[in-house]
Amino acid sequence: MSQGSPGHWAPLDPTPGPPAPPNPFVHELHLSRLQRVKFCLLGALLAPIRVLLAFIVLFLLWPFAWLQVAGLTEEQLQEPITGWRKTVCHNGVLGLSRLLFFLLGFLRIRVRGQRASRLQAPVLVAAPHSTFFDPIVLLPCDLPKVVSRAENLSVPVIGALLRFNQAILVSRHDPASRRRVVEEVRRRATSGGKWPQDTTSWAWRGPGVLKVLWLTASQPCSIVDVEFLPVYHPSPEESRNPTLYANNVQRVMAQALGIPATECEFVGSLPVIVVGRLKVSLEPQLWELGKVLRKAGLSPGRVDTGAEPGRSRMISQEEFARQLQLSDPQTVAGAFSYFQQDAQGLVDFRDVALALAALDGGRSLDELTRLAFELFAEEQAEGPGRLLYRHGFSTILHLLLGSPRPAAATLHAELCQAGPHQGLSLYPLAFCLLTLACPGQFQAFSLHDPLHGKLFNTYLRPSPKPQASVPGSPMALANGTVPAPKQKGD
């Protein structure tokens, strides 16, 4: 769901702030009438011919790619390929690759700046990696080694080209794979020019790869016009702080591209941003759920859930459909999939009740946070009152903000360190004002915290019309309008 679409959620404060930069994961294309006519005519006449010729050239690349690595063992592939294989196959792939892009419409590749040698900058950092044509940056760089996902090895022709390139492969499903990739990039970057330059894409964990190369100079490279920026040498302070080095390189590249720097990363397939000590989804699934239910004609405020506070009740998909009075099987399956299911395929009805309450625009934020606390807080074994423990806190933040559960659990542990218990209580606001401190208080965190409170204001206030972003909103934080400080452990 793009910013400004129906179902976008605006903050409580109606004061308009500076327009937020666009969501980096959403690209809206606005074509004039003449461009639409050209698109239809040339798309029907010229595009099929270009695509056919491009596929022919792509398959001609395969014999050269296969020949370079044919007969070599895994140990031999751990070192740069030399000799006739390098001369014949490398030049063949380079020439055919340029022909491929020529057929796709890149008649001329504009290069600005000067490429540094492998000794000056063993790593090229390319950004912003926003199209399928970004590999064009490899041509003026003489086909440097790349970092790619391991799944691409199974793609016909592309897999052969990755083996030809001796690419460094990363599996997004294996945390240990990223560590091995980091070690391999470091080994090649510190080989004293033995290896050709490595190209790391900014889409691969953002500045993450730079955090392990902060002692190595890197050359930023813009993909828009293949612009080589000056070699970036880490300062003494950056040499001691890899995160500072990575963020500064990112800022230099963003300025050269004329776009804002972002703090986005992927947790699995979910794009998230870091706000304070918490990770939140750029666009929580709650918004998509609301879109599905509205499309089905359901008004969340008219559903009487009757969930019992503090007690779990697991329901099946059939009972879910009866409770929400949904009849279309596709709609039921789509809405049901937004909730976490156990091994038997059941969901906790409290999750459903909280999501529907959040989608009901008639509730105030105070009422909504109190309801969330009442639904998931548990009775203490000893002592009065109820406390919100780690599982309930993680569930609330996951449902309302799209926060990954491990990140929410870590924040819960930090919040509980300020209080006498391992759970969060719900003190009256008057108590907080009198004591000037609310250790372990859920509403103090969700409504009155200087940074995290803005998340609930932004994510949980439905607005039928697009409104200007307010500084401090998650979208503004994500796109650099307001700095989002990272804490240790993020």
Protein backbone atom coordinates (compact mmCIF):
# COMPACT_ATOMS: atom_id res chain seq x y z
CA MET A 1 0.00 0.00 0.00
CA SER A 2 1.61 3.25 -1.05
CA GLN A 3 1.64 6.37 1.05
CA GLY A 4 -1.52 8.39 0.54
CA SER A 5 -3.61 5.43 -0.58
CA PRO A 6 -6.93 4.70 1.16
CA GLY A 7 -6.21 3.13 4.51
CA HIS A 8 -3.04 5.12 5.16
CA TRP A 9 -2.83 6.17 8.78
CA ALA A 10 -2.06 9.77 9.75
CA PRO A 11 -0.84 11.06 13.13
CA LEU A 12 -3.06 12.71 15.72
CA ASP A 13 -1.38 16.10 15.32
CA PRO A 14 -3.08 17.73 12.29
CA THR A 15 -0.35 20.35 11.88
CA PRO A 16 1.13 19.72 8.43
CA GLY A 17 4.86 19.24 8.32
CA PRO A 18 7.22 19.05 5.38
CA PRO A 19 6.18 16.41 2.84
CA ALA A 20 7.83 13.09 3.58
CA PRO A 21 10.06 11.61 0.89
CA PRO A 22 8.55 8.62 -0.90
CA ASN A 23 8.59 5.12 0.49
CA PRO A 24 11.82 3.55 -0.87
CA PHE A 25 9.96 0.32 -1.56
CA VAL A 26 7.17 1.97 -3.57
CA HIS A 27 7.69 3.61 -6.97
CA GLU A 28 4.83 5.49 -8.59
CA LEU A 29 5.16 6.16 -12.32
CA HIS A 30 3.22 9.06 -13.81
CA LEU A 31 3.12 9.03 -17.62
CA SER A 32 1.87 11.81 -19.87
CA ARG A 33 -0.65 11.08 -22.60
CA LEU A 34 2.06 11.14 -25.27
CA GLN A 35 4.21 8.75 -23.24
CA ARG A 36 1.27 6.38 -22.87
CA VAL A 37 0.74 6.37 -26.65
CA LYS A 38 4.44 5.66 -27.22
CA PHE A 39 4.31 2.92 -24.61
CA CYS A 40 1.42 1.18 -26.34
CA LEU A 41 2.79 1.46 -29.88
CA LEU A 42 6.43 0.68 -29.19
CA GLY A 43 5.51 -1.91 -26.59
CA ALA A 44 3.53 -3.82 -29.19
CA LEU A 45 6.00 -3.40 -32.08
CA LEU A 46 9.53 -2.90 -30.83
CA ALA A 47 9.57 -4.59 -27.42
CA PRO A 48 9.00 -8.18 -28.69
CA ILE A 49 11.88 -7.86 -31.17
CA ARG A 50 14.22 -6.48 -28.52
CA VAL A 51 13.29 -9.14 -25.99
CA LEU A 52 13.76 -11.93 -28.56
CA LEU A 53 17.22 -10.68 -29.56
CA ALA A 54 18.18 -10.15 -25.91
CA PHE A 55 17.25 -13.76 -25.08
CA ILE A 56 19.36 -15.00 -27.99
CA VAL A 57 22.38 -13.05 -26.74
CA LEU A 58 21.71 -14.17 -23.17
CA PHE A 59 21.89 -17.82 -24.19
CA LEU A 60 25.05 -17.13 -26.22
CA LEU A 61 26.66 -16.04 -22.95
CA TRP A 62 26.20 -19.48 -21.44
CA PRO A 63 29.02 -21.33 -23.34
CA PHE A 64 31.57 -18.66 -22.37
CA ALA A 65 30.45 -18.73 -18.74
CA TRP A 66 30.52 -22.53 -18.61
CA LEU A 67 33.92 -22.80 -20.30
CA GLN A 68 35.66 -20.56 -17.77
CA VAL A 69 34.84 -22.78 -14.79
CA ALA A 70 34.63 -26.17 -16.53
CA GLY A 71 36.90 -28.75 -14.90
CA LEU A 72 37.91 -26.53 -11.97
CA THR A 73 37.55 -27.79 -8.41
CA GLU A 74 36.04 -25.83 -5.55
CA GLU A 75 39.52 -25.23 -4.16
CA GLN A 76 40.68 -23.75 -7.46
CA LEU A 77 37.63 -21.50 -7.58
CA GLN A 78 38.68 -19.98 -4.26
CA GLU A 79 41.43 -18.14 -6.14
CA PRO A 80 41.17 -15.72 -9.10
CA ILE A 81 41.03 -17.41 -12.51
CA THR A 82 43.97 -16.58 -14.79
CA GLY A 83 45.41 -17.66 -18.15
CA TRP A 84 43.48 -18.37 -21.32
CA ARG A 85 40.21 -18.87 -19.42
CA LYS A 86 40.44 -15.33 -18.13
CA THR A 87 41.41 -13.85 -21.50
CA VAL A 88 38.98 -15.63 -23.80
CA CYS A 89 35.93 -16.16 -21.60
CA HIS A 90 36.09 -12.87 -19.74
CA ASN A 91 36.32 -10.79 -22.92
CA GLY A 92 33.61 -12.86 -24.59
CA VAL A 93 31.16 -12.33 -21.72
CA LEU A 94 32.05 -8.63 -21.52
CA GLY A 95 31.40 -8.06 -25.24
CA LEU A 96 28.15 -10.02 -25.34
CA SER A 97 26.93 -8.28 -22.19
CA ARG A 98 27.42 -4.88 -23.80
CA LEU A 99 25.51 -6.12 -26.87
CA LEU A 100 22.72 -7.35 -24.60
CA PHE A 101 22.23 -3.95 -23.01
CA PHE A 102 22.47 -2.26 -26.42
CA LEU A 103 19.56 -4.39 -27.64
CA LEU A 104 17.59 -3.47 -24.52
CA GLY A 105 17.88 0.21 -25.35
CA PHE A 106 21.09 1.30 -23.61
CA LEU A 107 22.74 2.62 -26.75
CA ARG A 108 25.31 4.59 -24.79
CA ILE A 109 26.51 4.21 -21.22
CA ARG A 110 27.44 7.53 -19.70
CA VAL A 111 30.32 7.29 -17.23
CA ARG A 112 31.23 10.16 -14.97
CA GLY A 113 34.16 10.33 -12.60
CA GLN A 114 37.16 8.03 -12.58
CA ARG A 115 37.20 4.47 -11.40
CA ALA A 116 39.78 3.80 -8.70
CA SER A 117 42.22 0.91 -8.92
CA ARG A 118 41.70 -2.26 -6.93
CA LEU A 119 44.52 -1.20 -4.59
CA GLN A 120 42.98 2.20 -3.92
CA ALA A 121 39.47 0.84 -3.36
CA PRO A 122 39.00 -2.94 -3.29
CA VAL A 123 35.24 -2.57 -2.87
CA LEU A 124 32.74 -0.79 -5.13
CA VAL A 125 29.43 0.07 -3.45
CA ALA A 126 26.63 0.49 -6.02
CA ALA A 127 23.32 2.20 -5.27
CA PRO A 128 20.36 2.47 -5.23
CA HIS A 129 19.70 -0.96 -6.85
CA SER A 130 16.14 -0.13 -7.86
CA THR A 131 15.71 -1.82 -11.26
CA PHE A 132 16.51 -5.06 -13.10
CA PHE A 133 18.97 -3.17 -15.29
CA ASP A 134 21.37 -2.25 -12.48
CA PRO A 135 23.97 -4.85 -13.62
CA ILE A 136 24.87 -2.31 -16.31
CA VAL A 137 27.27 -0.86 -13.74
CA LEU A 138 29.41 -4.00 -14.17
CA LEU A 139 30.36 -3.14 -17.76
CA PRO A 140 32.49 -0.03 -17.21
CA CYS A 141 33.94 -1.72 -14.12
CA ASP A 142 35.26 -4.68 -16.19
CA LEU A 143 32.91 -7.23 -14.61
CA PRO A 144 33.92 -7.06 -10.94
CA LYS A 145 32.93 -9.84 -8.56
CA VAL A 146 29.45 -9.46 -7.12
CA VAL A 147 27.44 -10.41 -4.05
CA SER A 148 24.23 -12.24 -4.96
CA ARG A 149 21.63 -14.40 -3.30
CA ALA A 150 22.24 -18.13 -3.39
CA GLU A 151 18.81 -18.84 -4.92
CA ASN A 152 19.98 -17.29 -8.20
CA LEU A 153 22.26 -20.28 -8.81
CA SER A 154 19.23 -22.32 -9.84
CA VAL A 155 18.13 -19.79 -12.48
CA PRO A 156 19.07 -20.95 -16.01
CA VAL A 157 21.97 -19.01 -17.57
CA ILE A 158 22.05 -16.60 -14.62
CA GLY A 159 23.43 -19.35 -12.40
CA ALA A 160 26.17 -20.08 -14.94
CA LEU A 161 27.07 -16.40 -15.09
CA LEU A 162 27.35 -16.25 -11.30
CA ARG A 163 29.75 -19.22 -11.32
CA PHE A 164 31.71 -17.54 -14.10
CA ASN A 165 31.88 -14.38 -11.99
CA GLN A 166 33.00 -16.32 -8.88
CA ALA A 167 30.24 -14.42 -7.10
CA ILE A 168 29.91 -14.38 -3.33
CA LEU A 169 26.58 -16.01 -2.52
CA VAL A 170 24.39 -15.22 0.46
CA SER A 171 21.33 -17.08 1.70
CA ARG A 172 18.75 -14.83 3.34
CA HIS A 173 17.30 -17.82 5.16
CA ASP A 174 20.56 -18.82 6.87
CA PRO A 175 21.97 -16.34 9.43
CA ALA A 176 25.34 -18.14 9.34
CA SER A 177 25.52 -17.53 5.57
CA ARG A 178 25.77 -13.79 6.08
CA ARG A 179 28.70 -14.23 8.42
CA ARG A 180 30.50 -16.38 5.85
CA VAL A 181 29.83 -13.79 3.15
CA VAL A 182 31.27 -11.07 5.35
CA GLU A 183 34.40 -13.14 5.94
CA GLU A 184 34.81 -13.85 2.22
CA VAL A 185 34.35 -10.20 1.26
CA ARG A 186 36.95 -9.25 3.88
CA ARG A 187 39.37 -11.91 2.59
CA ARG A 188 39.13 -10.69 -0.98
CA ALA A 189 39.20 -7.00 -0.05
CA THR A 190 42.40 -7.42 1.98
CA SER A 191 44.24 -9.56 -0.61
CA GLY A 192 46.41 -6.66 -1.73
CA GLY A 193 44.88 -6.35 -5.20
CA LYS A 194 45.01 -10.09 -5.93
CA TRP A 195 41.26 -10.20 -6.51
CA PRO A 196 39.35 -7.87 -8.85
CA GLN A 197 37.15 -5.34 -7.14
CA ASP A 198 34.04 -6.64 -5.41
CA THR A 199 30.75 -4.90 -6.10
CA THR A 200 28.29 -4.84 -3.21
CA SER A 201 24.77 -3.65 -3.81
CA TRP A 202 23.19 -1.23 -1.39
CA ALA A 203 20.12 -3.48 -1.38
CA TRP A 204 22.11 -6.15 0.48
CA ARG A 205 21.44 -5.26 4.14
CA GLY A 206 21.97 -1.58 3.46
CA PRO A 207 25.32 -0.50 4.90
CA GLY A 208 25.72 -3.86 6.64
CA VAL A 209 28.58 -5.11 4.47
CA LEU A 210 30.48 -1.87 5.06
CA LYS A 211 30.40 -2.41 8.79
CA VAL A 212 32.94 -5.21 8.40
CA LEU A 213 35.09 -3.30 5.91
CA TRP A 214 35.53 -0.08 7.84
CA LEU A 215 39.33 -0.41 7.65
CA THR A 216 39.14 -0.69 3.87
CA ALA A 217 38.64 2.20 1.47
CA SER A 218 35.59 1.86 -0.76
CA GLN A 219 34.47 3.70 -3.88
CA PRO A 220 30.79 4.67 -3.99
CA CYS A 221 29.21 4.30 -7.42
CA SER A 222 25.90 5.75 -8.59
CA ILE A 223 23.92 3.50 -10.94
CA VAL A 224 21.86 6.32 -12.45
CA ASP A 225 24.61 7.40 -14.87
CA VAL A 226 27.39 5.03 -13.69
CA GLU A 227 29.09 7.80 -11.74
CA PHE A 228 32.24 6.97 -9.82
CA LEU A 229 32.47 9.07 -6.69
CA PRO A 230 35.77 9.88 -4.95
CA VAL A 231 37.29 7.04 -2.94
CA TYR A 232 36.04 7.17 0.63
CA HIS A 233 38.80 6.65 3.21
CA PRO A 234 37.66 6.04 6.79
CA SER A 235 38.66 8.65 9.35
CA PRO A 236 40.26 7.60 12.66
CA GLU A 237 36.87 7.90 14.36
CA GLU A 238 35.19 5.84 11.63
CA SER A 239 37.94 3.22 11.92
CA ARG A 240 36.87 2.75 15.54
CA ASN A 241 33.16 2.82 14.76
CA PRO A 242 32.04 0.70 11.76
CA THR A 243 28.42 1.89 12.04
CA LEU A 244 29.50 5.51 11.74
CA TYR A 245 31.60 4.63 8.69
CA ALA A 246 28.72 2.79 7.00
CA ASN A 247 26.23 5.59 7.69
CA ASN A 248 28.60 8.26 6.39
CA VAL A 249 29.25 6.37 3.14
CA GLN A 250 25.52 5.93 2.76
CA ARG A 251 25.01 9.67 3.27
CA VAL A 252 27.62 10.53 0.62
CA MET A 253 25.92 8.25 -1.91
CA ALA A 254 22.46 9.59 -1.09
CA GLN A 255 23.64 13.16 -1.62
CA ALA A 256 25.18 12.26 -4.98
CA LEU A 257 21.92 10.61 -6.07
CA GLY A 258 19.78 13.45 -4.76
CA ILE A 259 17.69 11.11 -2.61
CA PRO A 260 17.31 10.79 1.19
CA ALA A 261 19.21 8.19 3.15
CA THR A 262 17.02 5.52 4.74
CA GLU A 263 17.24 3.27 7.76
CA CYS A 264 15.41 0.36 6.15
CA GLU A 265 16.35 -3.29 6.36
CA PHE A 266 14.65 -6.64 5.81
CA VAL A 267 13.64 -9.06 8.55
CA GLY A 268 12.87 -12.10 6.44
CA SER A 269 10.72 -10.65 3.67
CA LEU A 270 9.40 -7.78 5.82
CA PRO A 271 10.89 -4.28 5.29
CA VAL A 272 11.38 -2.59 8.67
CA ILE A 273 12.87 0.61 10.04
CA VAL A 274 14.62 1.24 13.33
CA VAL A 275 12.92 3.80 15.56
CA GLY A 276 14.67 4.25 18.88
CA ARG A 277 15.03 0.81 20.41
CA LEU A 278 12.35 -0.81 18.27
CA LYS A 279 12.00 -2.16 14.76
CA VAL A 280 8.68 -1.47 13.07
CA SER A 281 7.27 -2.40 9.70
CA LEU A 282 7.19 0.26 7.02
CA GLU A 283 3.59 -0.68 6.34
CA PRO A 284 2.13 -3.11 8.93
CA GLN A 285 -0.06 -5.97 7.85
CA LEU A 286 -2.81 -4.37 9.91
CA TRP A 287 -3.26 -1.82 7.14
CA GLU A 288 -3.59 -4.57 4.53
CA LEU A 289 -6.04 -6.42 6.76
CA GLY A 290 -8.18 -3.29 6.98
CA LYS A 291 -8.10 -3.00 3.21
CA VAL A 292 -9.26 -6.61 2.81
CA LEU A 293 -12.09 -6.21 5.32
CA ARG A 294 -13.31 -2.93 3.84
CA LYS A 295 -13.30 -4.48 0.38
CA ALA A 296 -15.51 -7.23 1.79
CA GLY A 297 -17.92 -4.59 3.15
CA LEU A 298 -17.11 -5.32 6.80
CA SER A 299 -17.09 -2.52 9.38
CA PRO A 300 -14.76 -3.62 12.23
CA GLY A 301 -16.62 -1.47 14.76
CA ARG A 302 -19.83 -3.48 14.31
CA VAL A 303 -18.20 -6.85 15.13
CA ASP A 304 -18.93 -7.99 18.68
CA THR A 305 -15.85 -10.10 19.42
CA GLY A 306 -16.46 -10.74 23.10
CA ALA A 307 -12.84 -11.80 23.68
CA GLU A 308 -12.11 -12.70 27.29
CA PRO A 309 -9.32 -10.56 28.79
CA GLY A 310 -6.22 -12.38 29.89
CA ARG A 311 -7.36 -15.77 28.57
CA SER A 312 -6.46 -17.32 25.25
CA ARG A 313 -9.17 -18.83 23.06
CA MET A 314 -8.00 -20.55 19.89
CA ILE A 315 -10.33 -20.50 16.89
CA SER A 316 -10.32 -22.17 13.48
CA GLN A 317 -10.73 -20.50 10.12
CA GLU A 318 -14.40 -21.58 10.00
CA GLU A 319 -15.15 -20.01 13.38
CA PHE A 320 -13.22 -16.91 12.30
CA ALA A 321 -15.51 -16.59 9.27
CA ARG A 322 -18.65 -17.00 11.41
CA GLN A 323 -17.46 -14.45 13.96
CA LEU A 324 -16.73 -11.81 11.32
CA GLN A 325 -19.73 -12.82 9.19
CA LEU A 326 -17.59 -13.36 6.09
CA SER A 327 -18.82 -15.70 3.37
CA ASP A 328 -16.31 -15.39 0.52
CA PRO A 329 -13.73 -18.20 0.96
CA GLN A 330 -10.92 -16.17 -0.63
CA THR A 331 -11.55 -13.20 1.65
CA VAL A 332 -11.71 -15.44 4.70
CA ALA A 333 -8.45 -17.17 3.84
CA GLY A 334 -6.72 -13.86 3.12
CA ALA A 335 -7.86 -12.20 6.36
CA PHE A 336 -7.14 -15.30 8.46
CA SER A 337 -3.57 -15.49 7.14
CA TYR A 338 -2.69 -12.16 8.78
CA PHE A 339 -2.76 -13.76 12.23
CA GLN A 340 -0.14 -16.10 13.67
CA GLN A 341 -1.30 -19.70 13.60
CA ASP A 342 -0.24 -22.54 15.88
CA ALA A 343 0.65 -26.08 14.81
CA GLN A 344 -3.04 -26.96 14.42
CA GLY A 345 -3.74 -23.93 12.21
CA LEU A 346 -5.64 -22.06 14.95
CA VAL A 347 -5.30 -18.39 15.91
CA ASP A 348 -5.76 -16.66 19.26
CA PHE A 349 -9.09 -14.83 19.23
CA ARG A 350 -7.57 -12.03 21.31
CA ASP A 351 -5.36 -11.19 18.30
CA VAL A 352 -8.47 -10.85 16.15
CA ALA A 353 -10.25 -8.72 18.76
CA LEU A 354 -7.31 -6.31 19.09
CA ALA A 355 -6.87 -5.98 15.32
CA LEU A 356 -10.58 -5.20 14.82
CA ALA A 357 -10.48 -2.68 17.65
CA ALA A 358 -7.46 -0.98 16.10
CA LEU A 359 -9.26 -0.77 12.76
CA ASP A 360 -12.30 0.80 14.44
CA GLY A 361 -11.84 4.56 14.13
CA GLY A 362 -14.28 5.19 16.97
CA ARG A 363 -11.82 4.28 19.73
CA SER A 364 -9.35 6.73 21.22
CA LEU A 365 -5.72 5.74 21.60
CA ASP A 366 -6.13 5.64 25.37
CA GLU A 367 -9.03 3.20 25.05
CA LEU A 368 -7.16 1.09 22.50
CA THR A 369 -4.00 0.75 24.58
CA ARG A 370 -6.05 -0.07 27.66
CA LEU A 371 -7.90 -2.75 25.72
CA ALA A 372 -4.62 -4.19 24.45
CA PHE A 373 -3.31 -4.35 28.00
CA GLU A 374 -6.48 -5.95 29.35
CA LEU A 375 -6.54 -8.59 26.61
CA PHE A 376 -2.96 -9.78 27.08
CA ALA A 377 -2.02 -8.90 30.67
CA GLU A 378 -1.83 -11.83 33.11
CA GLU A 379 -2.55 -12.20 36.80
CA GLN A 380 0.53 -12.27 39.01
CA ALA A 381 1.26 -15.36 41.02
CA GLU A 382 1.87 -13.11 44.01
CA GLY A 383 0.83 -9.53 44.56
CA PRO A 384 -2.08 -7.42 43.32
CA GLY A 385 -2.81 -6.27 39.81
CA ARG A 386 -1.97 -7.69 36.41
CA LEU A 387 1.20 -7.46 34.35
CA LEU A 388 1.93 -7.55 30.65
CA TYR A 389 4.66 -10.13 30.05
CA ARG A 390 6.96 -10.63 27.11
CA HIS A 391 4.67 -12.75 24.93
CA GLY A 392 1.70 -10.40 25.28
CA PHE A 393 3.83 -7.30 24.72
CA SER A 394 5.40 -8.83 21.59
CA THR A 395 1.98 -9.80 20.27
CA ILE A 396 0.60 -6.28 20.72
CA LEU A 397 3.53 -4.62 18.97
CA HIS A 398 3.51 -7.20 16.19
CA LEU A 399 -0.20 -6.69 15.54
CA LEU A 400 -0.32 -2.90 15.83
CA LEU A 401 3.12 -1.83 14.55
CA GLY A 402 4.32 -4.83 12.58
CA SER A 403 7.34 -5.22 14.89
CA PRO A 404 9.26 -8.50 14.62
CA ARG A 405 8.63 -10.46 17.79
CA PRO A 406 12.33 -10.90 18.77
CA ALA A 407 12.89 -7.13 18.60
CA ALA A 408 9.77 -6.48 20.69
CA ALA A 409 10.85 -9.07 23.25
CA THR A 410 14.24 -7.37 23.59
CA LEU A 411 12.59 -4.01 24.17
CA HIS A 412 10.27 -5.55 26.77
CA ALA A 413 13.25 -6.81 28.74
CA GLU A 414 14.82 -3.34 28.67
CA LEU A 415 11.60 -1.66 29.84
CA CYS A 416 11.20 -4.12 32.69
CA GLN A 417 14.69 -3.41 34.01
CA ALA A 418 13.43 -0.04 35.26
CA GLY A 419 10.74 -1.64 37.42
CA PRO A 420 10.53 -4.21 40.21
CA HIS A 421 8.79 -6.86 38.08
CA GLN A 422 9.38 -8.74 34.84
CA GLY A 423 6.15 -7.41 33.42
CA LEU A 424 4.63 -4.05 32.49
CA SER A 425 1.82 -2.59 34.55
CA LEU A 426 -0.89 -0.09 33.60
CA TYR A 427 -0.62 2.75 36.10
CA PRO A 428 -3.13 5.61 35.96
CA LEU A 429 -1.79 8.67 34.18
CA ALA A 430 -2.22 10.74 37.33
CA PHE A 431 0.22 8.44 39.14
CA CYS A 432 2.84 9.05 36.46
CA LEU A 433 2.41 12.82 36.65
CA LEU A 434 2.76 12.81 40.42
CA THR A 435 5.81 10.57 40.52
CA LEU A 436 7.39 11.99 37.33
CA ALA A 437 8.45 8.45 36.50
CA CYS A 438 6.63 5.44 35.14
CA PRO A 439 8.92 2.41 35.45
CA GLY A 440 7.44 -0.51 33.57
CA GLN A 441 4.27 1.36 32.62
CA PHE A 442 2.69 0.30 29.31
CA GLN A 443 0.73 3.45 28.53
CA ALA A 444 3.73 5.65 29.33
CA PHE A 445 5.60 3.78 26.61
CA SER A 446 2.80 3.56 24.06
CA LEU A 447 1.33 7.06 24.41
CA HIS A 448 3.75 9.41 26.17
CA ASP A 449 7.24 8.23 25.25
CA PRO A 450 8.90 11.06 23.24
CA LEU A 451 9.80 8.76 20.34
CA HIS A 452 7.89 5.50 20.56
CA GLY A 453 4.60 7.21 21.41
CA LYS A 454 4.59 8.78 17.95
CA LEU A 455 4.49 5.30 16.43
CA PHE A 456 1.09 4.55 17.93
CA ASN A 457 -0.17 8.03 16.98
CA THR A 458 0.88 7.42 13.38
CA TYR A 459 -0.06 3.78 12.84
CA LEU A 460 -3.40 3.70 14.64
CA ARG A 461 -5.27 6.79 13.49
CA PRO A 462 -7.23 6.04 10.31
CA SER A 463 -7.49 8.87 7.78
CA PRO A 464 -9.65 8.51 4.65
CA LYS A 465 -7.69 11.24 2.87
CA PRO A 466 -3.92 11.60 2.36
CA GLN A 467 -2.34 14.07 4.74
CA ALA A 468 1.11 15.57 4.90
CA SER A 469 3.54 13.65 7.00
CA VAL A 470 4.43 15.09 10.38
CA PRO A 471 8.09 15.20 11.43
CA GLY A 472 8.70 12.29 13.71
CA SER A 473 6.30 9.93 12.01
CA PRO A 474 7.73 6.51 11.08
CA MET A 475 7.65 7.39 7.39
CA ALA A 476 9.56 10.59 8.09
CA LEU A 477 11.98 8.71 10.31
CA ALA A 478 12.47 6.07 7.65
CA ASN A 479 13.34 8.58 4.98
CA GLY A 480 15.67 10.81 6.90
CA THR A 481 13.35 13.76 7.65
CA VAL A 482 13.99 13.21 11.36
CA PRO A 483 17.00 11.22 12.56
CA ALA A 484 16.12 7.94 14.23
CA PRO A 485 18.85 7.21 16.79
CA LYS A 486 20.01 3.62 16.93
CA GLN A 487 20.62 2.11 20.32
CA LYS A 488 23.06 -0.59 21.20
CA GLY A 489 21.62 -3.97 20.31
CA ASP A 490 19.69 -2.83 17.24
